[in-house]
Amino acid sequence: MRTTYLTLALLGVSLPACTRQGGEPAKVQDLEPRAVAAADDQVNRQGEATIDGLVLTLTIDGAAVSLDQVTLARIPPAAAQRGAEAKGDRVTVVGFAAGTRVSEASAPDAVLNAQEGVGLVRATKRQVVVSLPAPRALDEVEVSAPATGATARLNVRAAYASYCKEYRRDNRYCPSPK
């Protein structure tokens, strides 16, 4: 009970001190715009900290692999090998351009699943997302999931179609019209 009276007394003393003296409203003013050096610009820093790549969403069903979605993206360099030190099954994706091996990435393969009341269950159908570096336009990717013996070669050229439609001007990802 005594604590309540003490708290109320402190509030009674401190509230008038917090109120604004005088009847003038506070003035709000925008700061003048100023140039930011390119090296100090956060957008530039973020862009320099990422690399060109593809984000692939794959469905692995037994020994079959299908491409659900492929998106052009700026990815952190570490994203391609995220979890590489982790033990367990991995899905490996190798990117090819004009038949030449360009890049490789891997991601954990969640082939084993713990189910309550059942224990470990081997998943036959699962979805995996892989970030693949793409320093130039890729034609196809080779996917391998050793846990179930799944392999496939998938065409990813369509990922560049909408991008090239809008940004064709001398872009390394877009073939020149002939």
N, C-alpha and C. Protein backbone atom coordinates (compact mmCIF):
# COMPACT_ATOMS: atom_id res chain seq x y z
N MET A 1 0.83 -1.18 0.00
CA MET A 1 0.00 0.00 0.00
C MET A 1 0.88 1.25 0.00
N ARG A 2 1.94 1.20 0.80
CA ARG A 2 2.84 2.33 0.91
C ARG A 2 3.54 2.61 -0.43
N THR A 3 3.86 1.53 -1.17
CA THR A 3 4.51 1.67 -2.48
C THR A 3 3.60 2.40 -3.46
N THR A 4 2.31 2.14 -3.40
CA THR A 4 1.36 2.81 -4.28
C THR A 4 1.35 4.31 -4.03
N TYR A 5 1.32 4.72 -2.76
CA TYR A 5 1.32 6.15 -2.45
C TYR A 5 2.62 6.81 -2.89
N LEU A 6 3.74 6.07 -2.74
CA LEU A 6 5.04 6.61 -3.15
C LEU A 6 5.08 6.80 -4.66
N THR A 7 4.57 5.83 -5.41
CA THR A 7 4.53 5.92 -6.87
C THR A 7 3.66 7.08 -7.31
N LEU A 8 2.49 7.24 -6.71
CA LEU A 8 1.60 8.35 -7.07
C LEU A 8 2.22 9.69 -6.74
N ALA A 9 2.94 9.77 -5.64
CA ALA A 9 3.60 11.02 -5.27
C ALA A 9 4.68 11.38 -6.28
N LEU A 10 5.46 10.38 -6.72
CA LEU A 10 6.51 10.64 -7.71
C LEU A 10 5.91 11.08 -9.04
N LEU A 11 4.82 10.45 -9.45
CA LEU A 11 4.15 10.85 -10.68
C LEU A 11 3.61 12.28 -10.57
N GLY A 12 3.04 12.60 -9.45
CA GLY A 12 2.49 13.94 -9.24
C GLY A 12 3.57 15.01 -9.33
N VAL A 13 4.77 14.70 -8.88
CA VAL A 13 5.86 15.67 -8.93
C VAL A 13 6.48 15.73 -10.32
N SER A 14 6.61 14.57 -11.01
CA SER A 14 7.33 14.54 -12.28
C SER A 14 6.47 14.95 -13.49
N LEU A 15 5.17 14.74 -13.47
CA LEU A 15 4.35 15.09 -14.62
C LEU A 15 4.38 16.57 -14.96
N PRO A 16 4.25 17.48 -14.00
CA PRO A 16 4.32 18.90 -14.37
C PRO A 16 5.68 19.27 -14.95
N ALA A 17 6.74 18.58 -14.54
CA ALA A 17 8.07 18.87 -15.07
C ALA A 17 8.20 18.45 -16.52
N CYS A 18 7.41 17.45 -16.92
CA CYS A 18 7.48 16.94 -18.29
C CYS A 18 6.62 17.73 -19.26
N THR A 19 5.68 18.50 -18.76
CA THR A 19 4.80 19.24 -19.67
C THR A 19 5.55 20.42 -20.24
N ARG A 20 5.12 20.82 -21.42
CA ARG A 20 5.77 21.91 -22.14
C ARG A 20 5.31 23.24 -21.58
N GLN A 21 6.26 24.09 -21.30
CA GLN A 21 5.93 25.43 -20.81
C GLN A 21 5.68 26.34 -22.00
N GLY A 22 4.71 27.16 -21.92
CA GLY A 22 4.40 28.10 -23.02
C GLY A 22 3.36 27.51 -23.94
N GLY A 23 2.74 28.33 -24.74
CA GLY A 23 1.66 27.88 -25.59
C GLY A 23 2.05 27.68 -27.03
N GLU A 24 3.33 27.81 -27.39
CA GLU A 24 3.74 27.68 -28.79
C GLU A 24 3.80 26.21 -29.19
N PRO A 25 3.28 25.90 -30.38
CA PRO A 25 3.40 24.52 -30.86
C PRO A 25 4.84 24.23 -31.30
N ALA A 26 5.23 22.98 -31.27
CA ALA A 26 6.58 22.59 -31.69
C ALA A 26 6.73 22.85 -33.19
N LYS A 27 7.92 23.28 -33.59
CA LYS A 27 8.19 23.53 -35.00
C LYS A 27 8.79 22.28 -35.63
N VAL A 28 8.26 21.91 -36.78
CA VAL A 28 8.77 20.76 -37.52
C VAL A 28 9.40 21.29 -38.78
N GLN A 29 10.62 20.82 -39.05
CA GLN A 29 11.35 21.33 -40.21
C GLN A 29 12.10 20.18 -40.88
N ASP A 30 11.99 20.10 -42.19
CA ASP A 30 12.74 19.09 -42.94
C ASP A 30 14.17 19.56 -43.11
N LEU A 31 15.08 18.61 -43.11
CA LEU A 31 16.49 18.93 -43.34
C LEU A 31 16.71 19.11 -44.83
N GLU A 32 17.65 19.93 -45.17
CA GLU A 32 18.00 20.13 -46.58
C GLU A 32 18.64 18.86 -47.12
N PRO A 33 18.32 18.46 -48.35
CA PRO A 33 18.95 17.27 -48.92
C PRO A 33 20.45 17.51 -49.11
N ARG A 34 21.23 16.46 -48.90
CA ARG A 34 22.68 16.58 -49.11
C ARG A 34 23.16 15.33 -49.83
N ALA A 35 24.17 15.50 -50.62
CA ALA A 35 24.72 14.38 -51.39
C ALA A 35 25.45 13.41 -50.46
N VAL A 36 25.37 12.15 -50.80
CA VAL A 36 26.08 11.11 -50.05
C VAL A 36 27.14 10.54 -50.97
N ALA A 37 28.35 10.40 -50.45
CA ALA A 37 29.44 9.82 -51.25
C ALA A 37 29.07 8.38 -51.63
N ALA A 38 29.45 7.97 -52.82
CA ALA A 38 29.11 6.64 -53.31
C ALA A 38 29.60 5.55 -52.36
N ALA A 39 30.76 5.75 -51.76
CA ALA A 39 31.31 4.74 -50.84
C ALA A 39 30.52 4.67 -49.54
N ASP A 40 29.83 5.73 -49.17
CA ASP A 40 29.06 5.75 -47.92
C ASP A 40 27.59 5.38 -48.11
N ASP A 41 27.15 5.24 -49.36
CA ASP A 41 25.76 4.92 -49.65
C ASP A 41 25.47 3.47 -49.29
N GLN A 42 24.48 3.24 -48.42
CA GLN A 42 24.16 1.88 -47.97
C GLN A 42 23.67 0.99 -49.11
N VAL A 43 23.00 1.55 -50.07
CA VAL A 43 22.52 0.76 -51.21
C VAL A 43 23.70 0.25 -52.02
N ASN A 44 24.70 1.10 -52.25
CA ASN A 44 25.90 0.67 -52.97
C ASN A 44 26.65 -0.40 -52.19
N ARG A 45 26.76 -0.22 -50.89
CA ARG A 45 27.46 -1.22 -50.06
C ARG A 45 26.77 -2.57 -50.14
N GLN A 46 25.45 -2.57 -50.08
CA GLN A 46 24.71 -3.83 -50.16
C GLN A 46 24.90 -4.48 -51.52
N GLY A 47 24.88 -3.68 -52.56
CA GLY A 47 25.07 -4.21 -53.91
C GLY A 47 26.44 -4.81 -54.11
N GLU A 48 27.45 -4.21 -53.52
CA GLU A 48 28.82 -4.71 -53.64
C GLU A 48 29.03 -5.97 -52.82
N ALA A 49 28.21 -6.18 -51.81
CA ALA A 49 28.36 -7.34 -50.93
C ALA A 49 27.62 -8.57 -51.47
N THR A 50 26.99 -8.45 -52.63
CA THR A 50 26.26 -9.56 -53.21
C THR A 50 26.79 -9.86 -54.61
N ILE A 51 26.44 -11.04 -55.11
CA ILE A 51 26.85 -11.44 -56.46
C ILE A 51 25.61 -11.83 -57.26
N ASP A 52 25.74 -11.84 -58.58
CA ASP A 52 24.64 -12.26 -59.44
C ASP A 52 24.43 -13.76 -59.28
N GLY A 53 23.17 -14.16 -59.29
CA GLY A 53 22.89 -15.59 -59.14
C GLY A 53 21.47 -15.93 -59.48
N LEU A 54 21.17 -17.19 -59.32
CA LEU A 54 19.82 -17.72 -59.52
C LEU A 54 19.39 -18.38 -58.22
N VAL A 55 18.13 -18.20 -57.86
CA VAL A 55 17.56 -18.91 -56.73
C VAL A 55 16.60 -19.93 -57.33
N LEU A 56 16.90 -21.21 -57.11
CA LEU A 56 16.12 -22.30 -57.69
C LEU A 56 15.31 -22.99 -56.60
N THR A 57 14.04 -23.21 -56.88
CA THR A 57 13.18 -23.99 -56.00
C THR A 57 12.92 -25.30 -56.71
N LEU A 58 13.38 -26.40 -56.12
CA LEU A 58 13.30 -27.71 -56.74
C LEU A 58 12.41 -28.63 -55.92
N THR A 59 11.67 -29.50 -56.60
CA THR A 59 10.94 -30.56 -55.92
C THR A 59 11.61 -31.87 -56.30
N ILE A 60 11.98 -32.62 -55.27
CA ILE A 60 12.59 -33.93 -55.48
C ILE A 60 11.59 -34.97 -55.01
N ASP A 61 11.18 -35.82 -55.93
CA ASP A 61 10.19 -36.86 -55.63
C ASP A 61 10.80 -38.19 -56.04
N GLY A 62 11.34 -38.91 -55.06
CA GLY A 62 12.04 -40.16 -55.35
C GLY A 62 13.28 -39.87 -56.17
N ALA A 63 13.33 -40.43 -57.38
CA ALA A 63 14.47 -40.21 -58.26
C ALA A 63 14.22 -39.10 -59.28
N ALA A 64 13.06 -38.44 -59.21
CA ALA A 64 12.71 -37.38 -60.16
C ALA A 64 12.97 -36.00 -59.55
N VAL A 65 13.43 -35.09 -60.38
CA VAL A 65 13.68 -33.71 -59.96
C VAL A 65 12.91 -32.79 -60.90
N SER A 66 12.16 -31.85 -60.34
CA SER A 66 11.47 -30.87 -61.18
C SER A 66 11.77 -29.47 -60.67
N LEU A 67 11.76 -28.53 -61.59
CA LEU A 67 12.05 -27.13 -61.30
C LEU A 67 10.72 -26.41 -61.07
N ASP A 68 10.49 -25.95 -59.83
CA ASP A 68 9.26 -25.24 -59.51
C ASP A 68 9.37 -23.77 -59.90
N GLN A 69 10.51 -23.17 -59.57
CA GLN A 69 10.69 -21.74 -59.84
C GLN A 69 12.17 -21.44 -59.93
N VAL A 70 12.51 -20.51 -60.79
CA VAL A 70 13.89 -20.02 -60.88
C VAL A 70 13.82 -18.50 -61.01
N THR A 71 14.60 -17.81 -60.18
CA THR A 71 14.54 -16.35 -60.13
C THR A 71 15.93 -15.77 -60.19
N LEU A 72 16.10 -14.75 -61.01
CA LEU A 72 17.35 -13.98 -61.05
C LEU A 72 17.43 -13.17 -59.78
N ALA A 73 18.59 -13.17 -59.10
CA ALA A 73 18.69 -12.45 -57.84
C ALA A 73 20.13 -12.07 -57.55
N ARG A 74 20.28 -11.11 -56.65
CA ARG A 74 21.59 -10.79 -56.08
C ARG A 74 21.67 -11.59 -54.79
N ILE A 75 22.68 -12.43 -54.66
CA ILE A 75 22.77 -13.31 -53.49
C ILE A 75 24.09 -13.07 -52.77
N PRO A 76 24.10 -13.28 -51.46
CA PRO A 76 25.37 -13.19 -50.74
C PRO A 76 26.27 -14.33 -51.20
N PRO A 77 27.57 -14.11 -51.33
CA PRO A 77 28.47 -15.18 -51.77
C PRO A 77 28.38 -16.42 -50.88
N ALA A 78 28.15 -16.24 -49.61
CA ALA A 78 28.08 -17.37 -48.69
C ALA A 78 26.80 -18.18 -48.87
N ALA A 79 25.78 -17.63 -49.52
CA ALA A 79 24.50 -18.33 -49.67
C ALA A 79 24.65 -19.61 -50.49
N ALA A 80 25.59 -19.62 -51.42
CA ALA A 80 25.78 -20.80 -52.26
C ALA A 80 26.28 -21.99 -51.46
N GLN A 81 26.99 -21.75 -50.39
CA GLN A 81 27.53 -22.85 -49.59
C GLN A 81 26.96 -22.87 -48.18
N ARG A 82 25.83 -22.20 -47.98
CA ARG A 82 25.22 -22.13 -46.65
C ARG A 82 24.99 -23.54 -46.11
N GLY A 83 25.54 -23.78 -44.94
CA GLY A 83 25.37 -25.08 -44.30
C GLY A 83 26.27 -26.16 -44.88
N ALA A 84 27.27 -25.79 -45.68
CA ALA A 84 28.14 -26.78 -46.32
C ALA A 84 28.90 -27.61 -45.28
N GLU A 85 29.18 -27.00 -44.13
CA GLU A 85 29.91 -27.72 -43.09
C GLU A 85 29.00 -28.68 -42.32
N ALA A 86 27.70 -28.56 -42.51
CA ALA A 86 26.76 -29.42 -41.80
C ALA A 86 26.84 -30.85 -42.33
N LYS A 87 26.66 -31.78 -41.42
CA LYS A 87 26.67 -33.18 -41.82
C LYS A 87 25.30 -33.53 -42.37
N GLY A 88 25.26 -34.58 -43.16
CA GLY A 88 23.98 -35.03 -43.69
C GLY A 88 23.95 -34.97 -45.20
N ASP A 89 22.78 -35.27 -45.72
CA ASP A 89 22.60 -35.30 -47.18
C ASP A 89 22.53 -33.90 -47.75
N ARG A 90 23.03 -33.75 -48.98
CA ARG A 90 23.05 -32.46 -49.64
C ARG A 90 22.57 -32.60 -51.08
N VAL A 91 21.97 -31.53 -51.58
CA VAL A 91 21.59 -31.44 -52.99
C VAL A 91 22.62 -30.53 -53.64
N THR A 92 23.21 -30.98 -54.73
CA THR A 92 24.23 -30.20 -55.43
C THR A 92 23.68 -29.75 -56.78
N VAL A 93 23.91 -28.49 -57.10
CA VAL A 93 23.47 -27.93 -58.38
C VAL A 93 24.69 -27.34 -59.08
N VAL A 94 24.88 -27.72 -60.33
CA VAL A 94 25.99 -27.22 -61.14
C VAL A 94 25.39 -26.44 -62.31
N GLY A 95 25.87 -25.20 -62.51
CA GLY A 95 25.37 -24.36 -63.60
C GLY A 95 26.24 -24.43 -64.83
N PHE A 96 25.60 -24.49 -66.01
CA PHE A 96 26.31 -24.57 -67.29
C PHE A 96 25.88 -23.44 -68.21
N ALA A 97 26.86 -22.89 -68.93
CA ALA A 97 26.59 -21.88 -69.96
C ALA A 97 27.30 -22.35 -71.23
N ALA A 98 26.54 -22.57 -72.28
CA ALA A 98 27.07 -23.06 -73.55
C ALA A 98 27.89 -24.32 -73.35
N GLY A 99 27.43 -25.21 -72.48
CA GLY A 99 28.10 -26.48 -72.25
C GLY A 99 29.29 -26.43 -71.30
N THR A 100 29.67 -25.23 -70.86
CA THR A 100 30.81 -25.07 -69.96
C THR A 100 30.33 -24.93 -68.52
N ARG A 101 30.99 -25.65 -67.63
CA ARG A 101 30.65 -25.57 -66.20
C ARG A 101 31.04 -24.19 -65.68
N VAL A 102 30.08 -23.48 -65.10
CA VAL A 102 30.30 -22.11 -64.65
C VAL A 102 30.33 -21.99 -63.13
N SER A 103 29.41 -22.67 -62.46
CA SER A 103 29.33 -22.53 -61.00
C SER A 103 28.72 -23.76 -60.38
N GLU A 104 28.87 -23.82 -59.04
CA GLU A 104 28.31 -24.95 -58.29
C GLU A 104 27.87 -24.47 -56.92
N ALA A 105 26.79 -25.06 -56.43
CA ALA A 105 26.29 -24.73 -55.09
C ALA A 105 25.63 -25.96 -54.50
N SER A 106 25.48 -25.95 -53.19
CA SER A 106 24.80 -27.06 -52.55
C SER A 106 23.91 -26.55 -51.43
N ALA A 107 22.96 -27.38 -51.05
CA ALA A 107 22.02 -27.04 -49.97
C ALA A 107 21.67 -28.32 -49.24
N PRO A 108 21.29 -28.20 -47.97
CA PRO A 108 20.90 -29.39 -47.22
C PRO A 108 19.67 -30.06 -47.84
N ASP A 109 19.68 -31.39 -47.83
CA ASP A 109 18.56 -32.18 -48.34
C ASP A 109 17.84 -32.79 -47.15
N ALA A 110 16.67 -32.29 -46.85
CA ALA A 110 15.90 -32.75 -45.69
C ALA A 110 15.18 -34.05 -46.02
N VAL A 111 15.94 -35.08 -46.34
CA VAL A 111 15.35 -36.36 -46.71
C VAL A 111 14.85 -37.11 -45.48
N LEU A 112 15.43 -36.83 -44.31
CA LEU A 112 14.96 -37.45 -43.07
C LEU A 112 14.13 -36.44 -42.29
N ASN A 113 12.99 -36.90 -41.78
CA ASN A 113 12.08 -36.03 -41.06
C ASN A 113 11.69 -36.72 -39.75
N ALA A 114 11.74 -35.98 -38.65
CA ALA A 114 11.34 -36.55 -37.36
C ALA A 114 9.86 -36.27 -37.15
N GLN A 115 9.06 -37.33 -37.00
CA GLN A 115 7.63 -37.18 -36.77
C GLN A 115 7.29 -37.65 -35.37
N GLU A 116 6.47 -36.87 -34.70
CA GLU A 116 6.08 -37.19 -33.34
C GLU A 116 5.30 -38.49 -33.31
N GLY A 117 5.68 -39.35 -32.39
CA GLY A 117 5.00 -40.62 -32.24
C GLY A 117 5.41 -41.68 -33.24
N VAL A 118 6.21 -41.31 -34.23
CA VAL A 118 6.63 -42.26 -35.26
C VAL A 118 8.15 -42.45 -35.23
N GLY A 119 8.86 -41.34 -35.12
CA GLY A 119 10.32 -41.38 -35.18
C GLY A 119 10.82 -40.81 -36.49
N LEU A 120 11.98 -41.27 -36.95
CA LEU A 120 12.54 -40.78 -38.21
C LEU A 120 11.81 -41.40 -39.39
N VAL A 121 11.43 -40.54 -40.31
CA VAL A 121 10.72 -40.96 -41.52
C VAL A 121 11.50 -40.45 -42.71
N ARG A 122 11.67 -41.30 -43.71
CA ARG A 122 12.37 -40.90 -44.93
C ARG A 122 11.34 -40.25 -45.87
N ALA A 123 11.57 -38.98 -46.18
CA ALA A 123 10.66 -38.24 -47.07
C ALA A 123 10.98 -38.57 -48.52
N THR A 124 10.00 -38.99 -49.27
CA THR A 124 10.24 -39.28 -50.68
C THR A 124 10.05 -38.03 -51.53
N LYS A 125 9.16 -37.14 -51.08
CA LYS A 125 8.92 -35.90 -51.83
C LYS A 125 9.24 -34.73 -50.92
N ARG A 126 10.12 -33.85 -51.39
CA ARG A 126 10.52 -32.69 -50.61
C ARG A 126 10.90 -31.55 -51.54
N GLN A 127 10.94 -30.35 -50.98
CA GLN A 127 11.29 -29.16 -51.75
C GLN A 127 12.59 -28.59 -51.19
N VAL A 128 13.48 -28.18 -52.08
CA VAL A 128 14.79 -27.64 -51.71
C VAL A 128 14.98 -26.33 -52.45
N VAL A 129 15.54 -25.34 -51.73
CA VAL A 129 15.86 -24.05 -52.35
C VAL A 129 17.37 -23.90 -52.36
N VAL A 130 17.93 -23.59 -53.54
CA VAL A 130 19.38 -23.47 -53.71
C VAL A 130 19.69 -22.12 -54.34
N SER A 131 20.68 -21.41 -53.78
CA SER A 131 21.18 -20.16 -54.35
C SER A 131 22.44 -20.49 -55.15
N LEU A 132 22.39 -20.29 -56.44
CA LEU A 132 23.48 -20.66 -57.35
C LEU A 132 24.12 -19.40 -57.93
N PRO A 133 25.43 -19.19 -57.71
CA PRO A 133 26.10 -18.04 -58.35
C PRO A 133 26.00 -18.17 -59.87
N ALA A 134 25.80 -17.04 -60.54
CA ALA A 134 25.69 -17.04 -62.00
C ALA A 134 26.42 -15.81 -62.54
N PRO A 135 27.74 -15.89 -62.68
CA PRO A 135 28.49 -14.73 -63.17
C PRO A 135 28.16 -14.37 -64.62
N ARG A 136 27.50 -15.28 -65.32
CA ARG A 136 26.97 -15.01 -66.66
C ARG A 136 25.70 -15.83 -66.83
N ALA A 137 25.00 -15.61 -67.92
CA ALA A 137 23.72 -16.30 -68.13
C ALA A 137 23.93 -17.81 -68.23
N LEU A 138 23.14 -18.55 -67.48
CA LEU A 138 23.21 -20.00 -67.50
C LEU A 138 22.13 -20.56 -68.43
N ASP A 139 22.47 -21.65 -69.12
CA ASP A 139 21.52 -22.32 -70.00
C ASP A 139 20.78 -23.42 -69.26
N GLU A 140 21.54 -24.19 -68.49
CA GLU A 140 20.94 -25.29 -67.77
C GLU A 140 21.69 -25.58 -66.49
N VAL A 141 21.03 -26.33 -65.63
CA VAL A 141 21.66 -26.75 -64.37
C VAL A 141 21.53 -28.26 -64.25
N GLU A 142 22.53 -28.84 -63.61
CA GLU A 142 22.50 -30.27 -63.33
C GLU A 142 22.30 -30.43 -61.83
N VAL A 143 21.26 -31.13 -61.45
CA VAL A 143 20.90 -31.32 -60.05
C VAL A 143 21.16 -32.77 -59.67
N SER A 144 21.80 -32.97 -58.49
CA SER A 144 21.97 -34.32 -58.00
C SER A 144 21.64 -34.36 -56.51
N ALA A 145 20.84 -35.34 -56.14
CA ALA A 145 20.46 -35.57 -54.74
C ALA A 145 20.80 -37.02 -54.42
N PRO A 146 22.03 -37.27 -53.97
CA PRO A 146 22.49 -38.64 -53.74
C PRO A 146 21.66 -39.43 -52.73
N ALA A 147 20.96 -38.75 -51.82
CA ALA A 147 20.18 -39.44 -50.80
C ALA A 147 19.13 -40.37 -51.41
N THR A 148 18.57 -39.95 -52.55
CA THR A 148 17.55 -40.78 -53.21
C THR A 148 17.96 -41.14 -54.63
N GLY A 149 19.18 -40.79 -55.02
CA GLY A 149 19.65 -41.11 -56.37
C GLY A 149 19.01 -40.26 -57.44
N ALA A 150 18.47 -39.12 -57.07
CA ALA A 150 17.80 -38.24 -58.04
C ALA A 150 18.82 -37.39 -58.79
N THR A 151 18.69 -37.33 -60.10
CA THR A 151 19.52 -36.45 -60.93
C THR A 151 18.66 -35.91 -62.07
N ALA A 152 19.03 -34.72 -62.54
CA ALA A 152 18.31 -34.14 -63.68
C ALA A 152 19.11 -32.99 -64.26
N ARG A 153 18.92 -32.75 -65.54
CA ARG A 153 19.44 -31.55 -66.20
C ARG A 153 18.23 -30.71 -66.56
N LEU A 154 18.20 -29.47 -66.05
CA LEU A 154 17.03 -28.61 -66.21
C LEU A 154 17.40 -27.33 -66.95
N ASN A 155 16.55 -26.92 -67.87
CA ASN A 155 16.76 -25.68 -68.62
C ASN A 155 16.33 -24.50 -67.76
N VAL A 156 17.22 -23.51 -67.57
CA VAL A 156 16.90 -22.33 -66.75
C VAL A 156 16.94 -21.04 -67.57
N ARG A 157 17.05 -21.16 -68.88
CA ARG A 157 17.14 -19.99 -69.75
C ARG A 157 15.92 -19.08 -69.61
N ALA A 158 14.77 -19.64 -69.32
CA ALA A 158 13.53 -18.85 -69.20
C ALA A 158 13.62 -17.84 -68.06
N ALA A 159 14.49 -18.06 -67.09
CA ALA A 159 14.63 -17.13 -65.96
C ALA A 159 15.06 -15.75 -66.44
N TYR A 160 15.77 -15.70 -67.54
CA TYR A 160 16.30 -14.43 -68.05
C TYR A 160 15.35 -13.73 -69.01
N ALA A 161 14.31 -14.41 -69.46
CA ALA A 161 13.42 -13.86 -70.50
C ALA A 161 12.79 -12.53 -70.12
N SER A 162 12.12 -12.47 -68.97
CA SER A 162 11.45 -11.22 -68.60
C SER A 162 12.46 -10.12 -68.30
N TYR A 163 13.58 -10.49 -67.73
CA TYR A 163 14.63 -9.52 -67.43
C TYR A 163 15.19 -8.92 -68.73
N CYS A 164 15.47 -9.78 -69.70
CA CYS A 164 16.04 -9.32 -70.97
C CYS A 164 15.03 -8.50 -71.78
N LYS A 165 13.76 -8.79 -71.60
CA LYS A 165 12.72 -8.04 -72.30
C LYS A 165 12.76 -6.57 -71.88
N GLU A 166 13.04 -6.34 -70.61
CA GLU A 166 13.04 -4.99 -70.08
C GLU A 166 14.42 -4.32 -70.12
N TYR A 167 15.49 -5.09 -69.92
CA TYR A 167 16.84 -4.51 -69.79
C TYR A 167 17.82 -5.06 -70.81
N ARG A 168 17.49 -5.03 -72.06
CA ARG A 168 18.31 -5.64 -73.10
C ARG A 168 19.62 -4.88 -73.38
N ARG A 169 19.69 -3.62 -73.17
CA ARG A 169 20.80 -2.80 -73.62
C ARG A 169 22.19 -3.30 -73.16
N ASP A 170 22.89 -3.95 -74.06
CA ASP A 170 24.26 -4.43 -73.85
C ASP A 170 24.45 -5.12 -72.50
N ASN A 171 23.58 -6.04 -72.21
CA ASN A 171 23.62 -6.73 -70.94
C ASN A 171 24.23 -8.11 -71.13
N ARG A 172 25.13 -8.51 -70.24
CA ARG A 172 25.82 -9.80 -70.39
C ARG A 172 24.88 -10.99 -70.23
N TYR A 173 23.71 -10.78 -69.67
CA TYR A 173 22.76 -11.87 -69.49
C TYR A 173 21.83 -12.04 -70.67
N CYS A 174 21.83 -11.08 -71.57
CA CYS A 174 20.88 -11.11 -72.66
C CYS A 174 21.59 -11.20 -74.00
N PRO A 175 21.26 -12.20 -74.79
CA PRO A 175 21.88 -12.29 -76.11
C PRO A 175 21.42 -11.14 -77.00
N SER A 176 22.32 -10.66 -77.84
CA SER A 176 21.96 -9.57 -78.74
C SER A 176 21.06 -10.10 -79.85
N PRO A 177 20.08 -9.29 -80.25
CA PRO A 177 19.23 -9.72 -81.37
C PRO A 177 20.04 -9.71 -82.65
N LYS A 178 19.77 -10.69 -83.51
CA LYS A 178 20.55 -10.79 -84.77
C LYS A 178 19.73 -10.37 -85.93
